[in-house]
Protein backbone atom coordinates (compact mmCIF):
# COMPACT_ATOMS: atom_id res chain seq x y z
CA MET A 1 -84.93 28.44 1.91
CA ARG A 2 -86.93 29.34 -0.93
CA LEU A 3 -88.88 31.90 0.90
CA LYS A 4 -85.72 33.38 2.03
CA LYS A 5 -84.48 33.54 -1.59
CA ILE A 6 -87.68 35.43 -2.59
CA ILE A 7 -87.43 37.77 0.10
CA CYS A 8 -83.63 38.43 -0.88
CA GLY A 9 -84.29 39.04 -4.26
CA ALA A 10 -87.27 41.26 -3.70
CA ALA A 11 -85.11 43.40 -1.40
CA LEU A 12 -82.30 43.67 -4.04
CA ALA A 13 -85.01 44.66 -6.56
CA LEU A 14 -86.41 47.51 -4.33
CA SER A 15 -82.88 48.42 -3.58
CA ALA A 16 -82.01 48.92 -7.33
CA ALA A 17 -85.18 50.86 -7.78
CA LEU A 18 -84.32 53.15 -4.98
CA ALA A 19 -80.81 53.79 -6.44
CA ALA A 20 -82.11 54.34 -9.87
CA HIS A 21 -84.34 57.25 -8.54
CA ALA A 22 -81.69 58.56 -6.53
CA GLY A 23 -81.45 62.49 -7.19
CA VAL A 24 -84.85 62.28 -8.88
CA ASP A 25 -87.11 65.22 -7.50
CA PHE A 26 -90.75 64.66 -8.10
CA THR A 27 -92.85 68.01 -8.52
CA THR A 28 -96.74 69.12 -9.34
CA GLY A 29 -97.61 72.45 -10.67
CA THR A 30 -100.97 74.05 -11.13
CA GLY A 31 -101.65 76.34 -13.92
CA ALA A 32 -102.95 79.82 -13.25
CA THR A 33 -104.56 82.19 -15.74
CA ASN A 34 -102.14 84.93 -17.04
CA ALA A 35 -102.77 88.57 -17.68
CA ILE A 36 -99.46 88.77 -19.42
CA VAL A 37 -100.17 86.08 -21.63
CA PRO A 38 -104.08 86.70 -22.35
CA ASN A 39 -106.48 83.81 -21.95
CA THR A 40 -104.07 80.93 -20.96
CA ASN A 41 -103.56 78.80 -18.33
CA ILE A 42 -99.78 78.56 -17.67
CA MET A 43 -97.39 76.49 -15.57
CA VAL A 44 -93.69 77.06 -15.38
CA PHE A 45 -91.09 74.20 -14.18
CA PRO A 46 -88.11 76.28 -13.19
CA THR A 47 -84.45 74.97 -13.66
CA ARG A 48 -82.77 72.73 -11.11
CA ALA A 49 -79.11 72.74 -11.54
CA ASP A 50 -78.02 70.29 -14.36
CA LYS A 51 -81.29 68.52 -14.03
CA GLN A 52 -83.85 67.57 -16.84
CA PHE A 53 -87.46 68.35 -16.08
CA VAL A 54 -89.74 65.21 -17.55
CA LEU A 55 -93.48 65.83 -17.53
CA TYR A 56 -95.52 62.40 -17.33
CA ASN A 57 -98.87 63.54 -16.14
CA LEU A 58 -101.51 66.31 -17.06
CA ASP A 59 -105.13 67.03 -15.68
CA TYR A 60 -107.12 69.60 -17.68
CA ARG A 61 -110.42 70.77 -17.91
CA THR A 62 -111.53 73.23 -20.85
CA ALA A 63 -114.78 74.47 -21.78
CA THR A 64 -114.11 74.72 -25.38
CA ASN A 65 -111.71 73.42 -28.00
CA GLY A 66 -108.25 74.31 -27.16
CA LEU A 67 -104.53 73.81 -27.56
CA LEU A 68 -101.74 72.46 -25.02
CA TRP A 69 -98.55 73.96 -25.71
CA MET A 70 -95.17 72.64 -24.16
CA ALA A 71 -91.93 74.12 -24.72
CA THR A 72 -88.35 74.31 -23.21
CA GLY A 73 -85.90 77.02 -22.50
CA LYS A 74 -82.95 77.24 -24.69
CA GLN A 75 -80.32 80.11 -24.89
CA MET A 76 -79.84 81.64 -21.31
CA PHE A 77 -79.27 85.51 -20.72
CA THR A 78 -78.80 87.61 -17.75
CA GLN A 79 -80.74 90.48 -16.22
CA THR A 80 -78.16 93.13 -15.63
CA GLN A 81 -80.00 95.62 -13.91
CA THR A 82 -82.69 95.49 -11.20
CA ASN A 83 -86.26 96.63 -12.17
CA LEU A 84 -88.20 97.75 -9.16
CA SER A 85 -91.67 98.02 -11.10
CA ALA A 86 -93.09 94.66 -11.68
CA SER A 87 -94.93 96.19 -14.76
CA ALA A 88 -91.59 97.43 -16.34
CA VAL A 89 -91.16 96.76 -20.18
CA THR A 90 -87.57 97.63 -20.84
CA ASN A 91 -85.08 95.35 -19.31
CA MET A 92 -81.45 95.59 -19.36
CA VAL A 93 -79.71 92.31 -20.34
CA ASN A 94 -76.29 91.01 -21.08
CA SER A 95 -76.87 90.25 -24.89
CA THR A 96 -79.66 90.32 -27.50
CA ASN A 97 -78.05 87.87 -29.79
CA GLY A 98 -80.49 85.15 -30.27
CA PHE A 99 -83.70 86.93 -29.22
CA VAL A 100 -86.66 86.98 -31.57
CA PRO A 101 -89.15 89.45 -31.20
CA GLY A 102 -92.64 88.04 -31.02
CA SER A 103 -91.51 85.06 -29.23
CA LEU A 104 -92.13 84.05 -25.42
CA LEU A 105 -89.51 84.20 -22.59
CA VAL A 106 -89.06 82.82 -19.22
CA LEU A 107 -87.46 84.91 -16.48
CA GLU A 108 -86.34 82.83 -13.28
CA HIS A 109 -86.42 85.25 -10.13
CA ASN A 110 -85.87 83.65 -6.54
CA GLY A 111 -86.33 80.23 -7.81
CA VAL A 112 -89.84 80.93 -9.46
CA GLY A 113 -90.73 81.22 -13.44
CA TYR A 114 -92.21 83.97 -15.09
CA VAL A 115 -93.33 84.36 -18.74
CA ALA A 116 -93.80 87.39 -20.91
CA GLY A 117 -93.98 88.30 -24.63
CA LEU A 118 -90.84 89.83 -26.42
CA SER A 119 -91.78 93.05 -28.34
CA ALA A 120 -88.39 94.58 -29.64
CA LEU A 121 -84.96 94.76 -29.15
CA GLY A 122 -82.93 98.04 -28.59
CA GLN A 123 -79.98 99.84 -27.43
CA THR A 124 -79.75 102.82 -24.94
CA THR A 125 -77.21 105.32 -24.86
CA ASN A 126 -78.34 106.80 -21.78
CA ALA A 127 -75.49 107.29 -19.46
CA ASN A 128 -77.57 106.02 -16.50
CA THR A 129 -78.83 102.84 -18.29
CA PHE A 130 -76.08 102.13 -20.88
CA GLY A 131 -75.96 98.74 -22.71
CA THR A 132 -78.34 96.22 -24.37
CA ASN A 133 -82.06 95.97 -23.67
CA ILE A 134 -85.02 94.09 -24.34
CA VAL A 135 -88.70 95.43 -24.61
CA LEU A 136 -91.44 93.18 -23.48
CA ALA A 137 -95.09 93.34 -24.34
CA SER A 138 -97.62 95.27 -21.90
CA GLY A 139 -97.32 94.22 -18.38
CA GLY A 140 -93.75 93.06 -18.40
CA TRP A 141 -92.71 90.25 -16.13
CA GLY A 142 -95.28 90.61 -13.50
CA VAL A 143 -92.49 90.81 -10.74
CA ALA A 144 -89.52 93.29 -10.01
CA THR A 145 -86.38 91.79 -11.39
CA SER A 146 -82.95 91.80 -9.79
CA ALA A 147 -79.65 91.98 -11.69
CA GLY A 148 -78.40 88.32 -12.09
CA ASP A 149 -81.77 87.00 -12.92
CA ASN A 150 -81.83 84.39 -15.49
CA ILE A 151 -83.79 84.81 -18.81
CA TYR A 152 -84.41 82.32 -21.28
CA GLN A 153 -85.66 81.92 -25.04
CA LEU A 154 -88.29 79.26 -25.63
CA GLY A 155 -87.71 76.64 -28.18
CA THR A 156 -89.95 75.13 -30.81
CA PRO A 157 -93.21 73.97 -28.84
CA ARG A 158 -94.76 70.57 -28.77
CA THR A 159 -98.74 70.99 -29.24
CA ILE A 160 -101.56 68.76 -28.65
CA PRO A 161 -105.22 69.77 -29.68
CA LEU A 162 -107.77 69.51 -26.82
CA LEU A 163 -111.51 68.68 -27.11
CA ALA A 164 -113.86 70.59 -25.00
CA ALA A 165 -114.89 68.70 -21.83
CA THR A 166 -117.00 69.57 -18.86
CA GLY A 167 -115.03 67.04 -16.57
CA THR A 168 -111.32 66.58 -15.76
CA ASN A 169 -109.26 64.83 -18.52
CA GLN A 170 -105.85 63.25 -18.14
CA ILE A 171 -102.97 62.72 -20.44
CA ASN A 172 -100.30 60.21 -19.28
CA GLY A 173 -96.95 58.75 -20.26
CA SER A 174 -93.29 58.02 -19.43
CA ALA A 175 -92.45 61.39 -20.93
CA ILE A 176 -95.33 63.63 -22.24
CA PHE A 177 -92.64 66.36 -22.82
CA ALA A 178 -88.88 66.46 -21.65
CA GLY A 179 -87.09 69.74 -21.24
CA ASP A 180 -83.46 70.28 -22.00
CA PRO A 181 -80.97 69.86 -19.03
CA GLY A 182 -80.57 72.73 -16.89
CA ARG A 183 -83.32 74.52 -18.60
CA PRO A 184 -87.01 75.48 -17.63
CA VAL A 185 -90.22 74.01 -18.98
CA VAL A 186 -93.46 75.79 -19.77
CA VAL A 187 -96.79 74.32 -20.13
CA MET A 188 -99.84 76.52 -21.22
CA MET A 189 -103.17 75.75 -22.15
CA GLY A 190 -105.59 77.96 -24.26
CA PRO A 191 -108.04 79.69 -24.70
CA ALA A 192 -108.55 79.75 -20.89
CA ILE A 193 -112.37 80.20 -21.04
CA THR A 194 -114.18 79.36 -17.67
CA PRO A 195 -114.24 76.79 -16.37
CA SER A 196 -110.93 75.65 -16.99
CA ALA A 197 -108.04 74.13 -15.08
CA LEU A 198 -104.67 72.62 -15.54
CA SER A 199 -102.27 70.85 -13.44
CA GLY A 200 -99.22 68.48 -13.98
CA THR A 201 -96.69 66.25 -12.42
CA GLY A 202 -93.31 65.61 -13.55
CA GLU A 203 -89.73 65.02 -12.27
CA TYR A 204 -86.53 66.36 -12.28
CA ARG A 205 -83.78 63.78 -13.20
């Protein structure tokens, strides 16, 4: 009888744990050196409808002292015209209110996140491209955009100094960084001097 109670208790505990994690999506990202933001390894964890991304594990390797940089998207904007060129720097958007020149932005195109620097804001009176535009740093998004793509201004980052190490190091915690609900998270490490590597694991809650 006692064994039966123990088994039943364990089953109930497992059931409760599974219920608590219902709807949780686990994901792993790998950083890649980025030509748009030079000398960095970058991971972008894109949005998933109304869910919050929480990062709880990072593996990194850096040949020199560096900095880990983590930020979440804040205000959302919308691309209003298609750019067929992946390197186009002028992008038409629904509004420029809230954009800060010199900051980093995230574009979400077909479920993938791309990072670019914002150089300037502007207006155009050209009848063919009338509207509001932003001017990106050289190289643009690195992908051809579509009307309806979302663009996010990144918020104030959390930073962690990193010491040079030839082996792989880890940072673990229940929440190294938590993004805003329904917003992307960007993780960067720089300077990315060979050999360097960055990967992370987290979940959408």
